[in-house]
Amino acid sequence: MEKGETVQQLNIPNHIAIIPDGNRRWAKEHGLPAFEGHRRGFEAVKNIMHKSRELGVHTLTFWGFSTENWNRSDEEVSYLMKIFESYILDNMKDAHKYGVRIYHLGRKDRIPESLRKGLIQAEEETKNYSNYDLNMAIDYGGQDEILRVIEKVLKDVKSGGVKAEELRNVTGKYAKKYPLYALKNYFDTKEQLYPYPDLLIRTSGERRLSGFLPWQTAYSEIYFADVHMPDFDEKELVKAIEDYNTRDRRFGGNTTKK
């Protein structure tokens, strides 16, 4: 922040997406089991949810479990699935209180039935809320999402439900004439007010996106935090937003800086 500037004077992103990395490394560094690292990581996630809402962030996305995380031990996967179920239940009270709509990003066909039912119920109970959006990416992979989009598009084109020319991303001088394009409606973030993250944060010092939201993050500003997720607190979130405020978001056009 500039000298004398407050958090209230910052330009707050409409949509923040987080790759919460480093739970197991945090646990190892503290001589604790991996499960405790995951538990502390989820506690940090809940705190960030509250803080982001206070700051005025409309949409928050967390990547809880990737399509590749099935390669972990059965014991760890089972523990994570139970945490997700508990996480959903814990969030429902706040969802109703603050008008938070919950979305699931990813596949529902491979997760445990109890978790699947919990996600479906959460989406159904909050579908009429619009104050905030919370995306829970569970069994999500960017390549998998694109493959699912292709499958749905081919099915609709074949049935005549959509024309190929309607799928093009209309930009430039034609954008006002054709402000919407059909392809975005096939992604997991369809129907959302802010489907594209303004700021994407990855914790634990990793400098890669691992295929997270490849379509949606085309123009996202990326911030790599060196701390592990259990240590990513309110101050770290504000630091990320401060860094975001130094960026010149051109979207392929001219500079916005004076």
Foldseek 3Di string as FASTA:
>chain_A
DPVPDDLLPFDQWQEEEEEQDDLQVVQVVVVHHSLVSVVLLVVQVVQVVVLSVVSQHAEYEYEQAELVNVPDDPVVLVSSLVVLLVSLVVCLVVCVVQQEAEFEAADLPPRDPSSSVSRVVSNVVRVPGRRHYYYYYHHHAQVVQVVQLVVVVVVCVVVVVDPPVQQDDDDDPCCVVPVDGDSVCSGSQHPHPQSATQEYEYEQQDDDDRRPPPPRDPQHHYDYHNHRSSPCHSVNVSVRSVVSRVDFRAVPHDTPDD
